[in-house]
Protein backbone atom coordinates (compact mmCIF):
# COMPACT_ATOMS: atom_id res chain seq x y z
CA MET A 1 28.62 26.76 16.15
CA GLY A 2 25.17 26.45 17.64
CA PRO A 3 22.96 25.20 19.05
CA HIS A 4 21.21 28.44 18.03
CA HIS A 5 23.16 29.22 14.89
CA PRO A 6 20.76 30.28 12.08
CA SER A 7 22.18 27.74 9.62
CA MET A 8 21.66 24.89 12.09
CA HIS A 9 18.03 25.47 13.18
CA GLY A 10 19.01 24.46 16.69
CA VAL A 11 19.34 20.77 15.85
CA LEU A 12 22.97 20.27 16.91
CA ARG A 13 26.09 21.98 18.20
CA LEU A 14 29.41 21.79 16.38
CA VAL A 15 32.66 22.43 18.21
CA VAL A 16 35.05 23.21 15.35
CA VAL A 17 38.79 23.84 15.19
CA PRO A 18 39.65 26.08 12.21
CA GLN A 19 43.04 26.63 10.64
CA GLY A 20 42.68 29.53 8.28
CA GLU A 21 39.72 28.65 6.04
CA ASN A 22 40.05 24.92 6.73
CA VAL A 23 38.26 23.09 9.54
CA ILE A 24 40.83 20.61 10.88
CA ASP A 25 38.66 19.08 13.60
CA CYS A 26 34.96 18.95 14.46
CA LYS A 27 33.04 17.46 17.37
CA PRO A 28 29.24 17.23 16.90
CA ILE A 29 27.05 17.37 20.00
CA LEU A 30 23.63 15.87 19.25
CA GLY A 31 20.29 15.52 21.00
CA TYR A 32 18.75 18.97 20.70
CA LEU A 33 15.71 17.65 18.82
CA HIS A 34 14.57 15.24 21.54
CA ARG A 35 11.16 16.44 22.71
CA GLY A 36 9.57 13.47 24.46
CA MET A 37 7.45 12.19 21.58
CA GLU A 38 7.54 8.63 22.90
CA LYS A 39 6.09 9.72 26.24
CA ILE A 40 3.34 11.72 24.54
CA ALA A 41 2.38 8.64 22.48
CA GLU A 42 1.69 6.57 25.59
CA ASN A 43 -1.74 8.11 26.18
CA ARG A 44 -2.80 9.01 22.62
CA THR A 45 -4.61 7.05 19.91
CA ILE A 46 -2.91 6.82 16.50
CA VAL A 47 -5.25 9.47 15.05
CA GLN A 48 -4.51 11.79 17.97
CA TYR A 49 -0.77 11.14 17.66
CA LEU A 50 -0.45 11.72 13.89
CA PRO A 51 -0.35 15.54 14.19
CA TYR A 52 2.61 15.16 16.55
CA VAL A 53 4.70 12.98 14.23
CA THR A 54 4.47 15.48 11.36
CA ARG A 55 6.76 17.69 13.46
CA TRP A 56 9.57 15.12 13.41
CA ASP A 57 10.60 16.24 9.95
CA TYR A 58 8.64 19.30 8.87
CA LEU A 59 10.23 19.20 5.40
CA ALA A 60 8.92 15.71 4.58
CA THR A 61 5.95 15.16 6.86
CA MET A 62 4.33 12.46 4.71
CA PHE A 63 7.17 10.07 5.59
CA THR A 64 6.67 10.44 9.33
CA GLU A 65 2.96 9.77 8.89
CA ALA A 66 3.71 6.71 6.73
CA VAL A 67 5.92 4.98 9.30
CA THR A 68 3.38 5.75 12.04
CA VAL A 69 0.46 4.07 10.25
CA ASN A 70 2.45 1.28 8.56
CA ALA A 71 3.45 -0.30 11.87
CA PRO A 72 -0.08 -0.85 13.27
CA GLU A 73 -1.30 -1.91 9.81
CA LYS A 74 1.29 -4.71 9.79
CA LEU A 75 0.60 -5.64 13.41
CA ALA A 76 -3.17 -5.87 12.83
CA ASN A 77 -2.84 -7.25 9.27
CA ILE A 78 -5.04 -4.46 7.86
CA GLN A 79 -5.17 -4.53 4.06
CA ILE A 80 -4.81 -1.21 2.27
CA PRO A 81 -7.09 -0.44 -0.72
CA GLU A 82 -4.98 -0.21 -3.85
CA ARG A 83 -6.16 3.33 -4.56
CA ALA A 84 -5.05 4.46 -1.11
CA SER A 85 -1.63 2.86 -1.60
CA TYR A 86 -1.08 4.69 -4.91
CA ILE A 87 -2.22 7.97 -3.34
CA ARG A 88 0.30 7.42 -0.56
CA ILE A 89 3.10 6.80 -3.08
CA ILE A 90 2.26 10.03 -4.92
CA MET A 91 2.26 12.03 -1.69
CA LEU A 92 5.49 10.45 -0.47
CA GLU A 93 7.34 11.19 -3.70
CA LEU A 94 6.06 14.77 -3.85
CA SER A 95 7.29 15.12 -0.28
CA ARG A 96 10.69 13.72 -1.30
CA VAL A 97 11.03 16.28 -4.11
CA ALA A 98 10.02 19.14 -1.78
CA SER A 99 12.52 17.98 0.84
CA HIS A 100 15.37 17.60 -1.65
CA LEU A 101 14.65 21.04 -3.10
CA LEU A 102 14.92 22.66 0.31
CA TRP A 103 18.16 20.76 0.84
CA LEU A 104 19.52 21.95 -2.51
CA GLY A 105 18.91 25.67 -1.99
CA PRO A 106 20.63 26.10 1.42
CA PHE A 107 23.41 23.66 0.42
CA LEU A 108 24.35 25.90 -2.49
CA ALA A 109 23.90 29.06 -0.42
CA ASP A 110 26.33 27.65 2.15
CA ILE A 111 29.04 27.28 -0.52
CA GLY A 112 28.45 30.74 -2.00
CA ALA A 113 25.71 30.35 -4.65
CA GLN A 114 22.70 32.36 -3.47
CA THR A 115 20.62 32.38 -6.67
CA PRO A 116 19.39 28.74 -6.67
CA PHE A 117 18.09 29.24 -3.12
CA PHE A 118 15.39 31.50 -4.56
CA TYR A 119 14.75 29.33 -7.61
CA ILE A 120 13.89 26.18 -5.64
CA PHE A 121 10.90 27.87 -4.00
CA ARG A 122 9.05 27.99 -7.36
CA GLU A 123 8.65 24.22 -7.58
CA ARG A 124 8.32 23.80 -3.83
CA GLU A 125 5.38 26.21 -3.68
CA MET A 126 3.65 24.26 -6.46
CA ILE A 127 4.06 21.04 -4.46
CA TYR A 128 2.60 22.76 -1.41
CA ASP A 129 -0.34 23.93 -3.52
CA LEU A 130 -0.97 20.28 -4.42
CA PHE A 131 -0.72 19.26 -0.76
CA GLU A 132 -3.10 22.02 0.29
CA ALA A 133 -5.67 21.01 -2.33
CA ALA A 134 -5.61 17.35 -1.22
CA THR A 135 -5.11 17.64 2.56
CA GLY A 136 -6.15 21.17 3.50
CA MET A 137 -2.66 21.91 4.86
CA ARG A 138 0.52 23.13 3.18
CA MET A 139 2.66 21.62 5.94
CA MET A 140 1.92 19.17 8.81
CA HIS A 141 -0.69 17.45 6.64
CA ASN A 142 -2.21 14.86 9.03
CA TYR A 143 -3.35 12.98 5.93
CA PHE A 144 -2.44 9.30 6.40
CA ARG A 145 -4.78 7.00 8.35
CA ILE A 146 -4.61 3.36 9.42
CA GLY A 147 -6.11 1.57 6.44
CA GLY A 148 -5.71 4.40 3.92
CA VAL A 149 -5.83 8.18 3.78
CA ALA A 150 -8.10 10.80 5.35
CA ALA A 151 -9.82 11.94 2.13
CA ASP A 152 -9.88 11.11 -1.57
CA LEU A 153 -8.13 13.29 -4.14
CA PRO A 154 -10.30 16.25 -5.18
CA TYR A 155 -11.64 16.67 -8.70
CA GLY A 156 -8.95 17.83 -11.12
CA TRP A 157 -6.06 17.08 -8.74
CA VAL A 158 -4.59 14.30 -10.88
CA ASP A 159 -4.41 16.54 -13.96
CA LYS A 160 -2.89 19.34 -11.90
CA CYS A 161 -0.25 16.95 -10.55
CA LEU A 162 0.60 15.66 -14.04
CA ASP A 163 1.00 19.27 -15.21
CA PHE A 164 3.38 19.88 -12.32
CA CYS A 165 5.48 16.84 -13.26
CA GLN A 166 5.77 18.05 -16.85
CA TYR A 167 6.82 21.48 -15.55
CA CYS A 168 9.20 20.31 -12.81
CA LEU A 169 11.35 17.80 -14.70
CA PRO A 170 12.87 20.40 -17.10
CA LYS A 171 13.57 22.62 -14.07
CA ILE A 172 15.63 19.85 -12.42
CA TYR A 173 17.67 19.57 -15.63
CA GLU A 174 18.02 23.35 -15.52
CA TYR A 175 19.51 23.09 -12.02
CA GLU A 176 21.97 20.50 -13.32
CA ARG A 177 23.08 22.78 -16.16
CA LEU A 178 23.44 25.68 -13.75
CA ILE A 179 25.31 23.85 -11.00
CA THR A 180 26.89 20.47 -11.75
CA ARG A 181 29.83 21.52 -13.95
CA ASN A 182 30.42 24.91 -12.36
CA PRO A 183 34.18 24.98 -11.56
CA ILE A 184 33.72 26.93 -8.31
CA PHE A 185 31.03 24.48 -7.16
CA LEU A 186 33.19 21.46 -8.05
CA LYS A 187 36.22 22.86 -6.23
CA ARG A 188 34.17 23.22 -3.05
CA VAL A 189 32.40 19.82 -3.06
CA LYS A 190 34.50 17.31 -5.02
CA GLY A 191 36.53 15.14 -2.65
CA VAL A 192 35.16 17.04 0.35
CA GLY A 193 33.46 15.28 3.26
CA PHE A 194 34.43 11.80 2.12
CA ILE A 195 32.58 8.91 3.79
CA SER A 196 33.65 5.41 2.80
CA ARG A 197 31.18 2.59 2.24
CA GLN A 198 32.16 0.86 5.48
CA GLU A 199 32.01 4.10 7.49
CA ALA A 200 28.53 4.84 6.14
CA ILE A 201 27.34 1.41 7.29
CA ASN A 202 29.12 1.57 10.66
CA TRP A 203 27.76 5.04 11.42
CA GLY A 204 24.19 4.02 10.58
CA LEU A 205 23.75 6.49 7.72
CA SER A 206 20.57 6.23 5.68
CA GLY A 207 18.94 7.72 2.60
CA PRO A 208 21.04 9.69 0.07
CA CYS A 209 24.04 9.85 2.43
CA LEU A 210 24.22 6.05 2.49
CA ARG A 211 23.54 5.62 -1.22
CA ALA A 212 26.21 8.21 -2.12
CA SER A 213 28.82 5.97 -0.47
CA GLY A 214 28.15 3.03 -2.77
CA VAL A 215 25.44 1.20 -0.81
CA GLN A 216 22.39 0.30 -2.94
CA TRP A 217 19.97 0.35 -0.02
CA ASP A 218 16.47 1.80 -0.42
CA LEU A 219 13.59 0.79 1.86
CA ARG A 220 11.16 1.10 -1.04
CA LYS A 221 12.94 -1.91 -2.58
CA ILE A 222 13.91 -3.68 0.66
CA ASP A 223 10.62 -3.49 2.60
CA HIS A 224 8.31 -3.72 -0.44
CA TYR A 225 5.83 -1.34 1.18
CA GLU A 226 2.87 0.28 -0.58
CA CYS A 227 2.74 -0.41 -4.36
CA TYR A 228 6.35 0.45 -5.22
CA ASP A 229 6.91 -3.05 -6.63
CA LYS A 230 4.26 -2.35 -9.31
CA ILE A 231 6.15 0.68 -10.59
CA ASP A 232 9.27 0.68 -12.78
CA TRP A 233 12.01 2.65 -11.02
CA GLN A 234 15.67 2.35 -10.04
CA ILE A 235 17.75 3.05 -6.93
CA LYS A 236 19.96 6.10 -7.51
CA TRP A 237 23.44 5.80 -6.02
CA GLN A 238 27.04 6.90 -6.38
CA THR A 239 30.36 5.38 -5.27
CA GLU A 240 32.54 8.43 -4.55
CA GLY A 241 31.16 9.16 -1.05
CA ASP A 242 31.90 12.91 -1.12
CA SER A 243 29.67 16.00 -1.05
CA LEU A 244 29.42 15.96 -4.84
CA ALA A 245 28.13 12.36 -4.78
CA ARG A 246 25.47 13.26 -2.20
CA TYR A 247 24.38 16.16 -4.39
CA LEU A 248 24.19 13.93 -7.49
CA VAL A 249 22.15 11.28 -5.66
CA ARG A 250 19.56 13.85 -4.59
CA ILE A 251 19.33 15.37 -8.07
CA ASP A 252 18.84 11.91 -9.59
CA GLU A 253 16.31 11.00 -6.91
CA MET A 254 14.19 14.04 -7.73
CA LYS A 255 14.08 12.97 -11.38
CA GLU A 256 13.22 9.40 -10.38
CA SER A 257 10.50 10.66 -8.01
CA ILE A 258 8.86 12.54 -10.89
CA ASN A 259 9.00 9.30 -12.90
CA ILE A 260 7.34 7.38 -10.04
CA ILE A 261 4.63 10.02 -9.61
CA GLN A 262 3.79 10.02 -13.32
CA GLN A 263 3.47 6.23 -13.37
CA ALA A 264 1.39 6.17 -10.17
CA LEU A 265 -0.99 8.80 -11.53
CA LYS A 266 -1.54 6.80 -14.71
CA LEU A 267 -2.01 3.52 -12.80
CA LEU A 268 -4.23 5.09 -10.11
CA PRO A 269 -7.24 2.75 -9.77
CA GLY A 270 -10.77 3.52 -8.64
CA GLY A 271 -12.32 2.20 -5.46
CA PRO A 272 -12.20 3.18 -1.80
CA TYR A 273 -9.47 5.34 -0.30
CA GLU A 274 -9.73 3.83 3.19
CA ASN A 275 -10.23 0.38 4.72
CA LEU A 276 -12.84 0.98 7.41
CA GLU A 277 -11.56 -2.09 9.29
CA GLY A 278 -9.00 0.24 10.86
CA ARG A 279 -11.77 2.41 12.28
CA ARG A 280 -13.62 -0.64 13.57
CA ILE A 281 -10.57 -1.74 15.56
CA ALA A 282 -10.24 1.74 17.03
CA GLN A 283 -13.93 1.82 17.98
CA GLU A 284 -13.71 -1.61 19.64
CA LYS A 285 -10.80 -0.40 21.71
CA GLU A 286 -12.68 2.70 22.82
CA GLY A 287 -15.76 0.57 23.62
């Protein structure tokens, strides 16, 4: 399968050995996404490089921007205005929900349930409307900056985002009612693709795949970045380590992301959205 199989998006090749409807062996061949980003970065400033990093993961571009600006902020000890940090949290969690939704739809389509694939685009389009209103772009936002964000939230955006949260949460519960106890779904995911806790650690898994194998590891808690410590939220995890557990973790994470967004919107302080010290450092370097 692949590397140009439509379900794989060209990211890897799978050499599989089937026996009837069961795959008895599989050898993944990786590396198809390497595109020389490190080399490109050598002669770019951070602001010039940010549009490149959004292509690393086009389903959750805010995260790639976050890691790119967080590193120089720590190195140069640049303090982030509290408003900017809360804005970043809101954008990151919206990005997480959008990413998990576009995981959920194809995942269910792959095991024979086509209908949810169309449903998930309702909420995802609303998130992209929020992104477009704040950043000017539906994807590849180029919104984060060293010391803050590129622009403040427009008038009415906070209310629009709160309305979305109130709309989206019941929809996630609707997905649960539609999917989680479906006997056909359970037969195809329960006990399938088991990854033990030790295997998950040894293989370097991260995110929901790691947390579904019983490891309570979340960088929002471990690294204490942005203002996550000021918000009341919990790590979502499961112990079973199968495909069902990975599905449950992502469903729970979407609900927890909505909770985080609602809190961040209510706690959102006034003040500047960017620390201009970051620009000063850049100007000194150019001078």
